[in-house]
Amino acid sequence: MPFREINSKMVEATVVPGQRMFSQRGAMLAYRGDVTFTPNMAGGQSGVMSMIGRRVAGEATPLMTVEGNGTVMFGHGGHHIQVIGLTGDTLYVEADRLLAFDGTLEQGTMFMGSQGGVMGMVRGQVTGQGLFTTTLKGHGAVAVMAHGGVIELPITPGRPVHVDPQAYVAHHGDVRNKLSTALGWRDMVGRGSGEAFQLELSGSGAVYVQASEEKL
């Protein structure tokens, strides 16, 4: 794992020749050694479809390609940072929550509506975030941002986990998600988070939940 947690809001990464990392723009706090930071408008490995940004608003924020030989300290906005290690599985994470990740990970984009029908559309209305979620697959590490700390909740067969959509940070594993609610579609649109609806995750894996519902 290339990340060393300095404290809850800062991580340090080792950069070695022949390998690269990607980070959110503005995430670099300091570095040692011969390290370069280059804007990558293509979003890394997977071209335009993996660009980091708010898809609904049509904004595209370039990733920074980090290369060289040295160490880099990352942090952003005083947000809590959680390091997640991947061992061949896929991590689903909001694009705005990505701080930095291994360049070896395969990047992609998933339309949230493809899991759970209209869940993605409802969630986009509720959180103000897009209908797309970034996927990272392979072996490596990812540093994500959240408000107020993060807890990892295991998801096991027969025991689904229900999460407030605004408290959701990321999930991985063989997991299905859907929006469960006692209200109809028309009642849900435009409402804030709370007991009116919940994000239900079932299968086998884990979900990361932040302590605060504040948006990034």
Protein backbone atom coordinates (compact mmCIF):
# COMPACT_ATOMS: atom_id res chain seq x y z
CA MET A 1 0.00 0.00 0.00
CA PRO A 2 1.64 3.28 -1.08
CA PHE A 3 -0.18 5.49 1.45
CA ARG A 4 0.95 6.14 5.01
CA GLU A 5 -1.59 7.85 7.22
CA ILE A 6 0.10 10.83 8.91
CA ASN A 7 -3.08 11.82 10.74
CA SER A 8 -6.81 11.72 10.03
CA LYS A 9 -6.51 14.50 7.42
CA MET A 10 -3.17 13.83 5.75
CA VAL A 11 -1.57 10.88 3.99
CA GLU A 12 1.92 10.39 2.55
CA ALA A 13 2.59 8.45 -0.64
CA THR A 14 5.83 7.03 -1.99
CA VAL A 15 6.43 7.68 -5.69
CA VAL A 16 8.98 5.49 -7.48
CA PRO A 17 10.38 5.62 -11.02
CA GLY A 18 8.32 3.72 -13.60
CA GLN A 19 5.10 3.97 -11.60
CA ARG A 20 2.55 6.75 -11.31
CA MET A 21 -0.30 7.90 -9.19
CA PHE A 22 -3.31 10.09 -9.80
CA SER A 23 -4.59 12.76 -7.43
CA GLN A 24 -7.31 15.34 -7.31
CA ARG A 25 -6.21 18.80 -8.34
CA GLY A 26 -5.15 20.83 -5.31
CA ALA A 27 -4.57 17.73 -3.16
CA MET A 28 -0.77 18.06 -2.95
CA LEU A 29 0.32 19.63 0.35
CA ALA A 30 4.08 19.08 0.16
CA TYR A 31 6.64 16.75 -1.39
CA ARG A 32 10.25 15.62 -1.16
CA GLY A 33 12.48 14.49 -4.01
CA ASP A 34 12.15 14.75 -7.76
CA VAL A 35 8.38 14.59 -8.31
CA THR A 36 6.30 16.05 -11.15
CA PHE A 37 2.58 16.89 -11.27
CA THR A 38 0.92 17.04 -14.69
CA PRO A 39 -2.77 17.78 -15.44
CA ASN A 40 -4.42 14.80 -17.11
CA MET A 41 -7.62 15.87 -18.86
CA ALA A 42 -8.32 12.29 -19.95
CA GLY A 43 -8.74 11.25 -16.33
CA GLY A 44 -6.06 8.59 -16.29
CA GLN A 45 -6.28 5.25 -18.07
CA SER A 46 -9.79 5.05 -19.44
CA GLY A 47 -10.17 8.20 -21.49
CA VAL A 48 -13.02 10.66 -21.46
CA MET A 49 -15.53 8.36 -19.74
CA SER A 50 -13.37 8.20 -16.61
CA MET A 51 -12.92 11.96 -16.21
CA ILE A 52 -13.38 13.11 -12.66
CA GLY A 53 -16.09 15.72 -12.29
CA ARG A 54 -19.73 16.49 -11.79
CA ARG A 55 -21.28 14.91 -14.87
CA VAL A 56 -24.70 16.45 -14.41
CA ALA A 57 -23.26 19.96 -14.29
CA GLY A 58 -21.04 19.19 -17.26
CA GLU A 59 -17.89 20.07 -15.32
CA ALA A 60 -14.70 18.10 -15.80
CA THR A 61 -11.91 18.48 -13.26
CA PRO A 62 -8.63 17.02 -14.49
CA LEU A 63 -6.71 14.56 -12.40
CA MET A 64 -3.07 15.23 -11.71
CA THR A 65 -0.59 12.59 -12.85
CA VAL A 66 2.09 12.19 -10.17
CA GLU A 67 5.43 10.72 -11.25
CA GLY A 68 9.08 10.71 -10.23
CA ASN A 69 11.08 9.61 -7.21
CA GLY A 70 10.14 10.87 -3.77
CA THR A 71 7.30 11.23 -1.30
CA VAL A 72 4.16 13.36 -1.51
CA MET A 73 1.78 14.48 1.23
CA PHE A 74 -1.88 14.70 0.23
CA GLY A 75 -4.88 16.34 1.87
CA HIS A 76 -7.78 18.53 0.79
CA GLY A 77 -10.01 21.04 2.54
CA GLY A 78 -9.38 19.61 5.97
CA HIS A 79 -11.52 16.57 5.12
CA HIS A 80 -11.08 13.24 6.85
CA ILE A 81 -9.12 10.76 4.71
CA GLN A 82 -9.75 7.04 4.56
CA VAL A 83 -7.31 4.66 2.82
CA ILE A 84 -8.94 1.67 1.14
CA GLY A 85 -6.91 -1.28 -0.14
CA LEU A 86 -8.14 -3.25 -3.15
CA THR A 87 -7.12 -6.86 -3.81
CA GLY A 88 -8.62 -7.41 -7.23
CA ASP A 89 -12.15 -6.20 -6.56
CA THR A 90 -13.90 -3.01 -7.68
CA LEU A 91 -14.42 0.11 -5.60
CA TYR A 92 -17.43 2.32 -6.36
CA VAL A 93 -16.83 5.87 -5.15
CA GLU A 94 -18.18 9.35 -5.78
CA ALA A 95 -15.74 11.16 -8.07
CA ASP A 96 -15.61 14.22 -5.82
CA ARG A 97 -14.50 12.06 -2.88
CA LEU A 98 -11.34 10.74 -4.57
CA LEU A 99 -8.15 12.20 -3.15
CA ALA A 100 -5.45 10.01 -4.73
CA PHE A 101 -5.02 6.45 -5.99
CA ASP A 102 -2.57 4.01 -7.58
CA GLY A 103 -2.03 4.37 -11.30
CA THR A 104 -2.19 0.58 -11.60
CA LEU A 105 -5.92 0.60 -10.90
CA GLU A 106 -8.26 0.36 -13.88
CA GLN A 107 -10.66 3.30 -13.99
CA GLY A 108 -14.21 3.34 -15.27
CA THR A 109 -17.59 4.99 -14.91
CA MET A 110 -20.86 3.38 -13.87
CA PHE A 111 -24.31 4.83 -14.34
CA MET A 112 -25.88 4.46 -10.89
CA GLY A 113 -29.28 3.76 -12.41
CA SER A 114 -27.87 0.48 -13.73
CA GLN A 115 -27.99 -0.85 -10.19
CA GLY A 116 -31.38 -0.48 -8.60
CA GLY A 117 -33.38 1.20 -11.35
CA VAL A 118 -34.12 4.83 -10.53
CA MET A 119 -31.88 4.86 -7.45
CA GLY A 120 -29.24 6.90 -9.24
CA MET A 121 -31.72 9.53 -10.35
CA VAL A 122 -33.22 9.87 -6.89
CA ARG A 123 -29.81 10.03 -5.30
CA GLY A 124 -28.72 12.72 -7.73
CA GLN A 125 -31.73 14.81 -6.73
CA VAL A 126 -31.13 14.26 -3.03
CA THR A 127 -27.39 14.80 -2.78
CA GLY A 128 -26.77 17.15 -5.66
CA GLN A 129 -24.19 14.66 -6.92
CA GLY A 130 -24.17 13.15 -10.38
CA LEU A 131 -25.80 10.05 -11.79
CA PHE A 132 -22.41 8.49 -12.42
CA THR A 133 -20.03 6.85 -9.99
CA THR A 134 -16.32 6.28 -10.61
CA THR A 135 -15.06 2.70 -10.45
CA LEU A 136 -11.52 1.61 -9.60
CA LYS A 137 -10.55 -2.03 -10.10
CA GLY A 138 -7.45 -4.08 -9.43
CA HIS A 139 -4.72 -4.31 -6.82
CA GLY A 140 -3.72 -1.08 -5.12
CA ALA A 141 -4.80 1.62 -2.72
CA VAL A 142 -7.24 4.51 -2.85
CA ALA A 143 -7.45 7.52 -0.53
CA VAL A 144 -10.97 8.96 -0.27
CA MET A 145 -12.33 12.03 1.51
CA ALA A 146 -15.26 12.34 3.88
CA HIS A 147 -16.71 14.57 6.60
CA GLY A 148 -16.38 13.78 10.29
CA GLY A 149 -14.68 10.42 9.99
CA VAL A 150 -15.49 7.14 8.23
CA ILE A 151 -16.66 3.74 9.41
CA GLU A 152 -16.49 0.54 7.36
CA LEU A 153 -19.63 -1.59 7.63
CA PRO A 154 -19.44 -5.21 6.42
CA ILE A 155 -22.16 -6.44 4.04
CA THR A 156 -22.87 -10.16 4.34
CA PRO A 157 -25.39 -12.42 2.56
CA GLY A 158 -28.80 -12.16 4.14
CA ARG A 159 -27.86 -9.07 6.16
CA PRO A 160 -28.19 -5.96 3.99
CA VAL A 161 -27.00 -2.58 5.23
CA HIS A 162 -29.20 0.53 4.99
CA VAL A 163 -27.39 3.85 4.58
CA ASP A 164 -28.54 7.44 4.34
CA PRO A 165 -27.70 8.37 0.71
CA GLN A 166 -25.85 11.51 1.82
CA ALA A 167 -23.75 9.56 4.33
CA TYR A 168 -22.59 7.10 1.64
CA VAL A 169 -18.93 7.40 0.64
CA ALA A 170 -18.03 4.24 -1.29
CA HIS A 171 -18.50 0.47 -1.41
CA HIS A 172 -16.75 -2.60 -2.81
CA GLY A 173 -17.39 -6.29 -3.27
CA ASP A 174 -20.20 -8.24 -4.89
CA VAL A 175 -22.87 -5.77 -3.81
CA ARG A 176 -26.22 -4.74 -5.21
CA ASN A 177 -27.79 -1.44 -4.26
CA LYS A 178 -31.28 -0.04 -4.41
CA LEU A 179 -33.28 2.77 -2.89
CA SER A 180 -35.83 1.64 -0.33
CA THR A 181 -38.54 4.00 0.83
CA ALA A 182 -42.09 4.19 2.09
CA LEU A 183 -42.77 7.16 -0.16
CA GLY A 184 -43.59 7.39 -3.81
CA TRP A 185 -41.35 8.85 -6.53
CA ARG A 186 -43.05 12.25 -6.52
CA ASP A 187 -42.72 12.51 -2.74
CA MET A 188 -39.01 11.71 -2.74
CA VAL A 189 -37.80 14.22 -5.31
CA GLY A 190 -36.64 17.45 -3.73
CA ARG A 191 -36.52 16.17 -0.15
CA GLY A 192 -33.43 16.13 1.99
CA SER A 193 -31.93 13.03 3.49
CA GLY A 194 -33.48 11.26 6.43
CA GLU A 195 -35.97 8.56 7.19
CA ALA A 196 -37.96 9.10 3.99
CA PHE A 197 -35.56 6.87 2.02
CA GLN A 198 -32.51 4.71 2.49
CA LEU A 199 -29.85 3.18 0.29
CA GLU A 200 -29.98 -0.59 0.71
CA LEU A 201 -26.80 -2.55 -0.05
CA SER A 202 -26.92 -6.33 -0.13
CA GLY A 203 -24.54 -9.14 -1.04
CA SER A 204 -20.96 -9.57 0.12
CA GLY A 205 -18.54 -6.69 0.64
CA ALA A 206 -18.34 -3.46 2.62
CA VAL A 207 -19.70 0.08 2.56
CA TYR A 208 -17.95 3.18 3.88
CA VAL A 209 -20.14 5.67 5.72
CA GLN A 210 -19.20 9.20 6.80
CA ALA A 211 -20.22 10.73 10.12
CA SER A 212 -21.62 13.93 8.62
CA GLU A 213 -24.10 14.41 5.79
CA GLU A 214 -22.32 17.57 4.63
CA LYS A 215 -21.45 17.61 0.93
CA LEU A 216 -17.90 17.96 -0.33
